[in-house]
Amino acid sequence: MNLKSILVIAAKSTQVINRELKNHQKEYGNTSTIFEYRFQKGGPSFNVVAIYNNKKKKYLLFATNKKAESIEKFEKMIPEEYRKRWNIETGYRVKNEFKIRSCTKSPVARVLFFIIQCIMYNVLNMLKSVLEITAYELKSLINEDIKKVVRYGLRSLNFIPVSVLLDCLRWVNEERNRVLRTRLTII
């Protein structure tokens, strides 16, 4: 099995999964487990990794097509691999916070709105590396600047300290390079 064909996703509990977990708890107590799951007779099968979280007193469920070796390896590996997906999923959720709602059927307008949405998402990520800011706060600040431009004209935006932003970005770049170099020396 090549690396691209390995899947790790969050699993939802079903009656079958809950029944399997109750049987496991009766026999082994509140411990983590791996078991094979099949949707229907003859359907595809995969492994369900149920990692018991002592703090929350519940199971974290993952579905994967990886071969089951030991629960210890899965407990260390699966959450780490799944964490890599969180950035992607969070990206879709945050990108939707910038969604421009429109009834237009014009493909040009829709593409323009999507590009603005992506730019705003990237600006937010850039700012988050320097500041603690949310999508809502960024949209509010942009809205205030638009109001200033409408009231006082474009010159009202000349008070933005661009040099401060550039200094912060330069510092973030230097810090990122330092962290990456440190990681490379460890390898």
N, C-alpha and C. Protein backbone atom coordinates (compact mmCIF):
# COMPACT_ATOMS: atom_id res chain seq x y z
N MET A 1 0.85 -1.17 0.00
CA MET A 1 0.00 0.00 0.00
C MET A 1 0.90 1.23 0.00
N ASN A 2 0.74 2.14 -0.97
CA ASN A 2 1.59 3.32 -1.00
C ASN A 2 1.05 4.39 -0.05
N LEU A 3 1.88 5.40 0.20
CA LEU A 3 1.55 6.43 1.18
C LEU A 3 0.28 7.19 0.83
N LYS A 4 0.02 7.43 -0.44
CA LYS A 4 -1.14 8.21 -0.85
C LYS A 4 -2.46 7.48 -0.62
N SER A 5 -2.43 6.19 -0.54
CA SER A 5 -3.68 5.45 -0.39
C SER A 5 -4.05 5.19 1.07
N ILE A 6 -3.25 5.71 2.01
CA ILE A 6 -3.55 5.54 3.43
C ILE A 6 -4.50 6.64 3.87
N LEU A 7 -5.59 6.22 4.48
CA LEU A 7 -6.61 7.17 4.92
C LEU A 7 -6.73 7.16 6.43
N VAL A 8 -6.92 8.33 7.01
CA VAL A 8 -7.20 8.48 8.44
C VAL A 8 -8.25 9.57 8.56
N ILE A 9 -9.42 9.21 9.08
CA ILE A 9 -10.49 10.19 9.25
C ILE A 9 -11.15 9.98 10.61
N ALA A 10 -11.83 11.01 11.07
CA ALA A 10 -12.60 10.87 12.31
C ALA A 10 -13.79 9.97 12.00
N ALA A 11 -14.12 9.11 12.95
CA ALA A 11 -15.25 8.20 12.76
C ALA A 11 -16.39 8.61 13.69
N LYS A 12 -17.60 8.44 13.22
CA LYS A 12 -18.77 8.70 14.04
C LYS A 12 -19.21 7.39 14.67
N SER A 13 -19.71 7.49 15.89
CA SER A 13 -20.17 6.26 16.54
C SER A 13 -21.52 5.85 15.95
N THR A 14 -21.63 4.56 15.73
CA THR A 14 -22.87 3.96 15.23
C THR A 14 -23.30 2.92 16.25
N GLN A 15 -24.44 2.33 16.03
CA GLN A 15 -24.90 1.28 16.94
C GLN A 15 -23.91 0.12 16.97
N VAL A 16 -23.40 -0.26 15.82
CA VAL A 16 -22.45 -1.37 15.74
C VAL A 16 -21.16 -1.02 16.49
N ILE A 17 -20.65 0.19 16.28
CA ILE A 17 -19.42 0.61 16.95
C ILE A 17 -19.65 0.69 18.46
N ASN A 18 -20.78 1.27 18.88
CA ASN A 18 -21.08 1.36 20.31
C ASN A 18 -21.19 -0.02 20.95
N ARG A 19 -21.80 -0.96 20.24
CA ARG A 19 -21.93 -2.33 20.75
C ARG A 19 -20.54 -2.96 20.90
N GLU A 20 -19.70 -2.76 19.91
CA GLU A 20 -18.33 -3.29 19.95
C GLU A 20 -17.56 -2.69 21.13
N LEU A 21 -17.72 -1.38 21.34
CA LEU A 21 -17.01 -0.72 22.44
C LEU A 21 -17.53 -1.19 23.81
N LYS A 22 -18.83 -1.41 23.94
CA LYS A 22 -19.39 -1.92 25.20
C LYS A 22 -18.86 -3.32 25.50
N ASN A 23 -18.78 -4.17 24.48
CA ASN A 23 -18.22 -5.51 24.66
C ASN A 23 -16.75 -5.42 25.09
N HIS A 24 -16.03 -4.50 24.46
CA HIS A 24 -14.62 -4.32 24.82
C HIS A 24 -14.49 -3.83 26.27
N GLN A 25 -15.34 -2.87 26.67
CA GLN A 25 -15.28 -2.35 28.04
C GLN A 25 -15.59 -3.43 29.07
N LYS A 26 -16.55 -4.30 28.76
CA LYS A 26 -16.89 -5.38 29.69
C LYS A 26 -15.70 -6.30 29.92
N GLU A 27 -14.97 -6.57 28.83
CA GLU A 27 -13.87 -7.52 28.92
C GLU A 27 -12.56 -6.88 29.40
N TYR A 28 -12.26 -5.66 28.92
CA TYR A 28 -10.95 -5.05 29.20
C TYR A 28 -11.02 -3.74 29.98
N GLY A 29 -12.21 -3.24 30.28
CA GLY A 29 -12.34 -1.96 30.97
C GLY A 29 -12.18 -0.79 30.00
N ASN A 30 -11.90 0.37 30.54
CA ASN A 30 -11.75 1.58 29.72
C ASN A 30 -10.35 1.65 29.14
N THR A 31 -10.13 0.89 28.09
CA THR A 31 -8.84 0.89 27.41
C THR A 31 -9.07 1.12 25.92
N SER A 32 -8.02 1.49 25.24
CA SER A 32 -8.10 1.72 23.80
C SER A 32 -8.14 0.39 23.07
N THR A 33 -8.71 0.42 21.86
CA THR A 33 -8.82 -0.81 21.09
C THR A 33 -8.84 -0.51 19.59
N ILE A 34 -8.60 -1.56 18.84
CA ILE A 34 -8.70 -1.52 17.37
C ILE A 34 -9.59 -2.68 16.96
N PHE A 35 -10.54 -2.41 16.08
CA PHE A 35 -11.33 -3.52 15.57
C PHE A 35 -11.71 -3.24 14.12
N GLU A 36 -11.98 -4.31 13.41
CA GLU A 36 -12.36 -4.20 12.00
C GLU A 36 -13.84 -3.88 11.89
N TYR A 37 -14.18 -3.02 10.96
CA TYR A 37 -15.57 -2.61 10.76
C TYR A 37 -15.91 -2.76 9.29
N ARG A 38 -17.10 -3.22 9.00
CA ARG A 38 -17.56 -3.39 7.63
C ARG A 38 -18.97 -2.77 7.55
N PHE A 39 -19.19 -1.94 6.53
CA PHE A 39 -20.49 -1.28 6.38
C PHE A 39 -21.62 -2.29 6.16
N GLN A 40 -21.46 -3.11 5.18
CA GLN A 40 -22.49 -4.11 4.85
C GLN A 40 -21.78 -5.41 4.49
N LYS A 41 -22.55 -6.49 4.39
CA LYS A 41 -21.94 -7.75 3.95
C LYS A 41 -21.35 -7.55 2.57
N GLY A 42 -20.10 -7.92 2.43
CA GLY A 42 -19.42 -7.79 1.14
C GLY A 42 -18.90 -6.39 0.88
N GLY A 43 -19.20 -5.43 1.75
CA GLY A 43 -18.74 -4.05 1.57
C GLY A 43 -17.29 -3.90 2.01
N PRO A 44 -16.74 -2.72 1.82
CA PRO A 44 -15.34 -2.51 2.20
C PRO A 44 -15.19 -2.56 3.73
N SER A 45 -14.04 -3.04 4.17
CA SER A 45 -13.77 -3.07 5.61
C SER A 45 -12.59 -2.14 5.90
N PHE A 46 -12.56 -1.66 7.13
CA PHE A 46 -11.48 -0.80 7.58
C PHE A 46 -11.35 -0.95 9.08
N ASN A 47 -10.30 -0.39 9.63
CA ASN A 47 -10.06 -0.47 11.06
C ASN A 47 -10.65 0.75 11.76
N VAL A 48 -11.30 0.52 12.88
CA VAL A 48 -11.74 1.61 13.75
C VAL A 48 -10.79 1.61 14.94
N VAL A 49 -10.15 2.73 15.15
CA VAL A 49 -9.24 2.88 16.29
C VAL A 49 -9.99 3.70 17.32
N ALA A 50 -10.24 3.09 18.47
CA ALA A 50 -10.96 3.76 19.56
C ALA A 50 -9.95 4.04 20.66
N ILE A 51 -9.56 5.29 20.80
CA ILE A 51 -8.57 5.69 21.80
C ILE A 51 -9.33 6.27 22.99
N TYR A 52 -9.18 5.64 24.16
CA TYR A 52 -9.92 6.09 25.34
C TYR A 52 -9.24 7.32 25.93
N ASN A 53 -10.02 8.39 26.08
CA ASN A 53 -9.53 9.64 26.65
C ASN A 53 -9.95 9.67 28.12
N ASN A 54 -9.00 9.52 29.02
CA ASN A 54 -9.30 9.48 30.45
C ASN A 54 -9.90 10.78 30.97
N LYS A 55 -9.45 11.92 30.43
CA LYS A 55 -9.95 13.21 30.90
C LYS A 55 -11.42 13.39 30.55
N LYS A 56 -11.80 13.04 29.31
CA LYS A 56 -13.18 13.24 28.86
C LYS A 56 -14.06 12.02 29.13
N LYS A 57 -13.44 10.93 29.55
CA LYS A 57 -14.17 9.68 29.83
C LYS A 57 -14.98 9.20 28.62
N LYS A 58 -14.35 9.30 27.44
CA LYS A 58 -14.99 8.81 26.23
C LYS A 58 -13.93 8.41 25.21
N TYR A 59 -14.40 7.78 24.14
CA TYR A 59 -13.50 7.30 23.10
C TYR A 59 -13.38 8.34 21.98
N LEU A 60 -12.15 8.49 21.49
CA LEU A 60 -11.90 9.24 20.26
C LEU A 60 -11.84 8.20 19.16
N LEU A 61 -12.69 8.36 18.14
CA LEU A 61 -12.80 7.33 17.10
C LEU A 61 -12.15 7.80 15.81
N PHE A 62 -11.34 6.92 15.24
CA PHE A 62 -10.71 7.17 13.95
C PHE A 62 -10.96 5.96 13.06
N ALA A 63 -11.19 6.21 11.79
CA ALA A 63 -11.31 5.14 10.81
C ALA A 63 -10.07 5.21 9.91
N THR A 64 -9.47 4.06 9.66
CA THR A 64 -8.26 4.04 8.85
C THR A 64 -8.18 2.72 8.08
N ASN A 65 -7.48 2.77 6.98
CA ASN A 65 -7.23 1.54 6.23
C ASN A 65 -5.82 1.01 6.49
N LYS A 66 -5.15 1.55 7.52
CA LYS A 66 -3.82 1.06 7.89
C LYS A 66 -3.94 -0.31 8.53
N LYS A 67 -2.90 -1.09 8.38
CA LYS A 67 -2.84 -2.41 9.01
C LYS A 67 -2.72 -2.23 10.53
N ALA A 68 -3.44 -3.03 11.27
CA ALA A 68 -3.41 -2.95 12.73
C ALA A 68 -2.23 -3.73 13.27
N GLU A 69 -1.25 -3.05 13.84
CA GLU A 69 -0.11 -3.71 14.45
C GLU A 69 -0.29 -3.78 15.96
N SER A 70 -0.36 -2.60 16.58
CA SER A 70 -0.58 -2.55 18.03
C SER A 70 -1.28 -1.25 18.37
N ILE A 71 -2.04 -1.28 19.44
CA ILE A 71 -2.77 -0.08 19.85
C ILE A 71 -1.81 1.02 20.28
N GLU A 72 -0.67 0.67 20.85
CA GLU A 72 0.30 1.68 21.29
C GLU A 72 0.81 2.50 20.10
N LYS A 73 1.13 1.81 19.00
CA LYS A 73 1.60 2.53 17.80
C LYS A 73 0.51 3.43 17.25
N PHE A 74 -0.72 2.93 17.23
CA PHE A 74 -1.83 3.73 16.72
C PHE A 74 -2.09 4.93 17.62
N GLU A 75 -2.01 4.75 18.93
CA GLU A 75 -2.25 5.86 19.84
C GLU A 75 -1.25 6.99 19.64
N LYS A 76 -0.03 6.63 19.25
CA LYS A 76 0.98 7.66 18.99
C LYS A 76 0.88 8.22 17.59
N MET A 77 0.57 7.38 16.63
CA MET A 77 0.61 7.76 15.22
C MET A 77 -0.68 8.40 14.71
N ILE A 78 -1.83 7.81 15.00
CA ILE A 78 -3.09 8.26 14.40
C ILE A 78 -3.43 9.70 14.77
N PRO A 79 -3.42 10.08 16.06
CA PRO A 79 -3.74 11.48 16.34
C PRO A 79 -2.78 12.44 15.66
N GLU A 80 -1.50 12.07 15.56
CA GLU A 80 -0.53 12.94 14.89
C GLU A 80 -0.85 13.06 13.40
N GLU A 81 -1.18 11.95 12.76
CA GLU A 81 -1.51 12.00 11.35
C GLU A 81 -2.82 12.74 11.12
N TYR A 82 -3.77 12.52 12.02
CA TYR A 82 -5.05 13.20 11.86
C TYR A 82 -4.89 14.71 12.09
N ARG A 83 -3.95 15.09 12.96
CA ARG A 83 -3.71 16.50 13.22
C ARG A 83 -3.33 17.23 11.93
N LYS A 84 -2.62 16.54 11.04
CA LYS A 84 -2.22 17.14 9.77
C LYS A 84 -3.45 17.54 8.95
N ARG A 85 -4.54 16.80 9.12
CA ARG A 85 -5.76 17.11 8.39
C ARG A 85 -6.50 18.30 8.99
N TRP A 86 -6.29 18.57 10.29
CA TRP A 86 -7.03 19.64 10.96
C TRP A 86 -6.80 20.98 10.29
N ASN A 87 -5.57 21.25 9.86
CA ASN A 87 -5.31 22.52 9.18
C ASN A 87 -6.15 22.65 7.92
N ILE A 88 -6.28 21.57 7.19
CA ILE A 88 -7.09 21.61 5.96
C ILE A 88 -8.54 21.86 6.32
N GLU A 89 -9.07 21.09 7.27
CA GLU A 89 -10.47 21.24 7.63
C GLU A 89 -10.75 22.60 8.26
N THR A 90 -9.83 23.08 9.09
CA THR A 90 -9.98 24.41 9.68
C THR A 90 -9.93 25.47 8.59
N GLY A 91 -9.08 25.24 7.60
CA GLY A 91 -8.99 26.18 6.48
C GLY A 91 -10.32 26.34 5.77
N TYR A 92 -11.01 25.23 5.51
CA TYR A 92 -12.32 25.32 4.86
C TYR A 92 -13.32 26.06 5.74
N ARG A 93 -13.29 25.77 7.06
CA ARG A 93 -14.24 26.42 7.96
C ARG A 93 -13.97 27.92 8.03
N VAL A 94 -12.70 28.32 8.19
CA VAL A 94 -12.36 29.73 8.31
C VAL A 94 -12.59 30.44 6.99
N LYS A 95 -12.29 29.76 5.88
CA LYS A 95 -12.50 30.38 4.56
C LYS A 95 -13.97 30.75 4.39
N ASN A 96 -14.85 29.90 4.93
CA ASN A 96 -16.28 30.19 4.83
C ASN A 96 -16.70 31.39 5.67
N GLU A 97 -15.89 31.77 6.66
CA GLU A 97 -16.19 32.97 7.44
C GLU A 97 -16.06 34.22 6.58
N PHE A 98 -15.31 34.14 5.49
CA PHE A 98 -15.14 35.27 4.58
C PHE A 98 -16.06 35.16 3.36
N LYS A 99 -16.95 34.19 3.37
CA LYS A 99 -17.79 33.94 2.20
C LYS A 99 -18.62 35.17 1.86
N ILE A 100 -18.60 35.54 0.61
CA ILE A 100 -19.40 36.65 0.11
C ILE A 100 -20.66 36.06 -0.48
N ARG A 101 -21.76 36.40 0.11
CA ARG A 101 -23.04 35.84 -0.34
C ARG A 101 -23.60 36.71 -1.47
N SER A 102 -24.03 36.03 -2.51
CA SER A 102 -24.54 36.74 -3.68
C SER A 102 -25.52 35.85 -4.44
N CYS A 103 -26.46 36.48 -5.09
CA CYS A 103 -27.42 35.74 -5.93
C CYS A 103 -27.01 35.78 -7.40
N THR A 104 -25.92 36.46 -7.69
CA THR A 104 -25.53 36.62 -9.08
C THR A 104 -25.18 35.28 -9.71
N LYS A 105 -25.51 35.16 -10.98
CA LYS A 105 -25.16 33.95 -11.73
C LYS A 105 -23.95 34.19 -12.62
N SER A 106 -23.42 35.40 -12.54
CA SER A 106 -22.26 35.76 -13.35
C SER A 106 -21.03 34.99 -12.89
N PRO A 107 -20.45 34.19 -13.78
CA PRO A 107 -19.25 33.44 -13.38
C PRO A 107 -18.08 34.37 -13.05
N VAL A 108 -18.01 35.52 -13.69
CA VAL A 108 -16.93 36.47 -13.42
C VAL A 108 -17.04 36.99 -11.98
N ALA A 109 -18.26 37.37 -11.58
CA ALA A 109 -18.46 37.88 -10.22
C ALA A 109 -18.19 36.78 -9.19
N ARG A 110 -18.63 35.58 -9.47
CA ARG A 110 -18.42 34.48 -8.52
C ARG A 110 -16.94 34.16 -8.35
N VAL A 111 -16.19 34.16 -9.44
CA VAL A 111 -14.74 33.92 -9.36
C VAL A 111 -14.07 35.07 -8.59
N LEU A 112 -14.49 36.30 -8.87
CA LEU A 112 -13.94 37.45 -8.16
C LEU A 112 -14.20 37.32 -6.66
N PHE A 113 -15.41 36.95 -6.27
CA PHE A 113 -15.75 36.79 -4.86
C PHE A 113 -14.90 35.69 -4.22
N PHE A 114 -14.70 34.60 -4.96
CA PHE A 114 -13.89 33.51 -4.43
C PHE A 114 -12.45 33.95 -4.25
N ILE A 115 -11.91 34.69 -5.20
CA ILE A 115 -10.52 35.17 -5.09
C ILE A 115 -10.38 36.12 -3.90
N ILE A 116 -11.35 37.01 -3.70
CA ILE A 116 -11.32 37.90 -2.54
C ILE A 116 -11.36 37.09 -1.25
N GLN A 117 -12.21 36.06 -1.24
CA GLN A 117 -12.32 35.19 -0.07
C GLN A 117 -10.98 34.52 0.23
N CYS A 118 -10.30 34.01 -0.78
CA CYS A 118 -9.00 33.36 -0.59
C CYS A 118 -7.95 34.37 -0.12
N ILE A 119 -7.96 35.56 -0.69
CA ILE A 119 -7.00 36.61 -0.29
C ILE A 119 -7.22 36.96 1.18
N MET A 120 -8.47 37.12 1.58
CA MET A 120 -8.77 37.46 2.97
C MET A 120 -8.31 36.35 3.91
N TYR A 121 -8.51 35.12 3.52
CA TYR A 121 -8.06 33.99 4.33
C TYR A 121 -6.55 34.01 4.49
N ASN A 122 -5.83 34.27 3.40
CA ASN A 122 -4.36 34.32 3.45
C ASN A 122 -3.87 35.51 4.27
N VAL A 123 -4.54 36.65 4.15
CA VAL A 123 -4.18 37.82 4.96
C VAL A 123 -4.37 37.49 6.44
N LEU A 124 -5.48 36.83 6.77
CA LEU A 124 -5.73 36.45 8.15
C LEU A 124 -4.62 35.53 8.67
N ASN A 125 -4.22 34.54 7.89
CA ASN A 125 -3.14 33.64 8.31
C ASN A 125 -1.82 34.38 8.50
N MET A 126 -1.54 35.33 7.62
CA MET A 126 -0.32 36.12 7.74
C MET A 126 -0.38 36.95 9.03
N LEU A 127 -1.51 37.59 9.28
CA LEU A 127 -1.65 38.41 10.48
C LEU A 127 -1.61 37.58 11.76
N LYS A 128 -2.14 36.36 11.69
CA LYS A 128 -2.15 35.50 12.88
C LYS A 128 -0.74 35.13 13.31
N SER A 129 0.21 35.14 12.39
CA SER A 129 1.59 34.84 12.76
C SER A 129 2.22 36.00 13.53
N VAL A 130 1.63 37.17 13.45
CA VAL A 130 2.16 38.35 14.13
C VAL A 130 1.24 38.80 15.26
N LEU A 131 -0.07 38.71 15.05
CA LEU A 131 -1.06 39.20 16.00
C LEU A 131 -2.03 38.09 16.37
N GLU A 132 -2.72 38.29 17.47
CA GLU A 132 -3.84 37.40 17.79
C GLU A 132 -5.09 38.10 17.26
N ILE A 133 -5.62 37.57 16.17
CA ILE A 133 -6.77 38.20 15.52
C ILE A 133 -7.69 37.11 14.98
N THR A 134 -8.98 37.37 15.01
CA THR A 134 -9.95 36.43 14.47
C THR A 134 -10.47 36.94 13.14
N ALA A 135 -11.15 36.09 12.42
CA ALA A 135 -11.73 36.49 11.13
C ALA A 135 -12.73 37.62 11.34
N TYR A 136 -13.52 37.52 12.41
CA TYR A 136 -14.52 38.56 12.70
C TYR A 136 -13.84 39.91 12.94
N GLU A 137 -12.74 39.91 13.71
CA GLU A 137 -12.03 41.17 13.98
C GLU A 137 -11.44 41.74 12.69
N LEU A 138 -10.88 40.90 11.85
CA LEU A 138 -10.31 41.36 10.59
C LEU A 138 -11.39 41.97 9.70
N LYS A 139 -12.53 41.28 9.60
CA LYS A 139 -13.63 41.83 8.79
C LYS A 139 -14.11 43.17 9.34
N SER A 140 -14.18 43.29 10.67
CA SER A 140 -14.61 44.54 11.29
C SER A 140 -13.65 45.68 10.97
N LEU A 141 -12.34 45.39 11.05
CA LEU A 141 -11.35 46.42 10.73
C LEU A 141 -11.43 46.84 9.26
N ILE A 142 -11.62 45.88 8.38
CA ILE A 142 -11.76 46.19 6.95
C ILE A 142 -13.01 47.03 6.73
N ASN A 143 -14.09 46.66 7.41
CA ASN A 143 -15.34 47.40 7.29
C ASN A 143 -15.15 48.86 7.75
N GLU A 144 -14.43 49.07 8.86
CA GLU A 144 -14.15 50.42 9.34
C GLU A 144 -13.35 51.21 8.31
N ASP A 145 -12.35 50.57 7.70
CA ASP A 145 -11.54 51.25 6.69
C ASP A 145 -12.36 51.60 5.46
N ILE A 146 -13.27 50.73 5.07
CA ILE A 146 -14.14 51.03 3.92
C ILE A 146 -15.01 52.24 4.24
N LYS A 147 -15.54 52.30 5.46
CA LYS A 147 -16.36 53.46 5.87
C LYS A 147 -15.52 54.74 5.84
N LYS A 148 -14.25 54.67 6.29
CA LYS A 148 -13.37 55.84 6.26
C LYS A 148 -13.15 56.32 4.83
N VAL A 149 -12.91 55.36 3.92
CA VAL A 149 -12.67 55.72 2.53
C VAL A 149 -13.90 56.38 1.92
N VAL A 150 -15.09 55.84 2.23
CA VAL A 150 -16.32 56.41 1.68
C VAL A 150 -16.54 57.82 2.24
N ARG A 151 -16.29 58.02 3.55
CA ARG A 151 -16.52 59.33 4.18
C ARG A 151 -15.45 60.35 3.83
N TYR A 152 -14.17 59.95 3.97
CA TYR A 152 -13.08 60.92 3.90
C TYR A 152 -12.18 60.77 2.68
N GLY A 153 -12.42 59.77 1.87
CA GLY A 153 -11.60 59.56 0.69
C GLY A 153 -10.45 58.61 0.94
N LEU A 154 -9.77 58.27 -0.12
CA LEU A 154 -8.69 57.27 -0.06
C LEU A 154 -7.51 57.74 0.78
N ARG A 155 -7.29 59.05 0.87
CA ARG A 155 -6.16 59.57 1.64
C ARG A 155 -6.27 59.24 3.12
N SER A 156 -7.45 58.93 3.60
CA SER A 156 -7.63 58.62 5.02
C SER A 156 -6.91 57.33 5.43
N LEU A 157 -6.56 56.50 4.46
CA LEU A 157 -5.86 55.25 4.76
C LEU A 157 -4.34 55.42 4.85
N ASN A 158 -3.84 56.63 4.56
CA ASN A 158 -2.40 56.87 4.58
C ASN A 158 -1.81 56.83 5.99
N PHE A 159 -2.63 56.72 7.00
CA PHE A 159 -2.14 56.71 8.37
C PHE A 159 -1.77 55.30 8.84
N ILE A 160 -1.88 54.32 7.97
CA ILE A 160 -1.54 52.94 8.33
C ILE A 160 -0.01 52.82 8.39
N PRO A 161 0.54 52.40 9.53
CA PRO A 161 2.00 52.29 9.65
C PRO A 161 2.52 51.03 8.95
N VAL A 162 2.76 51.13 7.66
CA VAL A 162 3.22 50.00 6.86
C VAL A 162 4.60 49.53 7.33
N SER A 163 5.43 50.46 7.76
CA SER A 163 6.77 50.07 8.21
C SER A 163 6.70 49.15 9.43
N VAL A 164 5.72 49.37 10.31
CA VAL A 164 5.55 48.51 11.48
C VAL A 164 5.17 47.10 11.03
N LEU A 165 4.24 47.01 10.07
CA LEU A 165 3.84 45.71 9.55
C LEU A 165 5.02 44.99 8.91
N LEU A 166 5.81 45.70 8.12
CA LEU A 166 6.96 45.08 7.46
C LEU A 166 8.00 44.62 8.48
N ASP A 167 8.21 45.41 9.55
CA ASP A 167 9.15 44.99 10.61
C ASP A 167 8.66 43.71 11.28
N CYS A 168 7.36 43.63 11.55
CA CYS A 168 6.79 42.43 12.18
C CYS A 168 6.94 41.22 11.25
N LEU A 169 6.66 41.40 9.97
CA LEU A 169 6.79 40.30 9.02
C LEU A 169 8.25 39.85 8.89
N ARG A 170 9.17 40.80 8.92
CA ARG A 170 10.60 40.46 8.85
C ARG A 170 10.98 39.64 10.08
N TRP A 171 10.52 40.04 11.27
CA TRP A 171 10.81 39.31 12.50
C TRP A 171 10.23 37.89 12.43
N VAL A 172 8.99 37.76 11.94
CA VAL A 172 8.36 36.44 11.84
C VAL A 172 9.16 35.55 10.90
N ASN A 173 9.61 36.10 9.79
CA ASN A 173 10.42 35.33 8.83
C ASN A 173 11.73 34.87 9.46
N GLU A 174 12.39 35.76 10.18
CA GLU A 174 13.64 35.39 10.83
C GLU A 174 13.41 34.32 11.89
N GLU A 175 12.34 34.45 12.66
CA GLU A 175 12.02 33.46 13.69
C GLU A 175 11.70 32.11 13.05
N ARG A 176 10.93 32.13 11.97
CA ARG A 176 10.59 30.88 11.28
C ARG A 176 11.85 30.20 10.74
N ASN A 177 12.76 30.99 10.17
CA ASN A 177 14.02 30.42 9.68
C ASN A 177 14.83 29.83 10.82
N ARG A 178 14.86 30.50 11.98
CA ARG A 178 15.60 29.99 13.13
C ARG A 178 15.02 28.65 13.59
N VAL A 179 13.69 28.56 13.66
CA VAL A 179 13.03 27.32 14.09
C VAL A 179 13.31 26.20 13.10
N LEU A 180 13.22 26.49 11.81
CA LEU A 180 13.49 25.47 10.79
C LEU A 180 14.93 24.99 10.86
N ARG A 181 15.88 25.90 11.07
CA ARG A 181 17.28 25.50 11.18
C ARG A 181 17.49 24.61 12.41
N THR A 182 16.81 24.96 13.50
CA THR A 182 16.91 24.15 14.72
C THR A 182 16.38 22.74 14.46
N ARG A 183 15.26 22.64 13.77
CA ARG A 183 14.70 21.33 13.45
C ARG A 183 15.64 20.51 12.58
N LEU A 184 16.28 21.18 11.62
CA LEU A 184 17.21 20.46 10.73
C LEU A 184 18.44 19.94 11.48
N THR A 185 18.90 20.68 12.47
CA THR A 185 20.07 20.20 13.24
C THR A 185 19.71 19.00 14.08
N ILE A 186 18.44 18.88 14.49
CA ILE A 186 18.00 17.73 15.28
C ILE A 186 17.95 16.49 14.43
N ILE A 187 17.56 16.63 13.18
CA ILE A 187 17.46 15.49 12.26
C ILE A 187 18.82 14.99 11.95
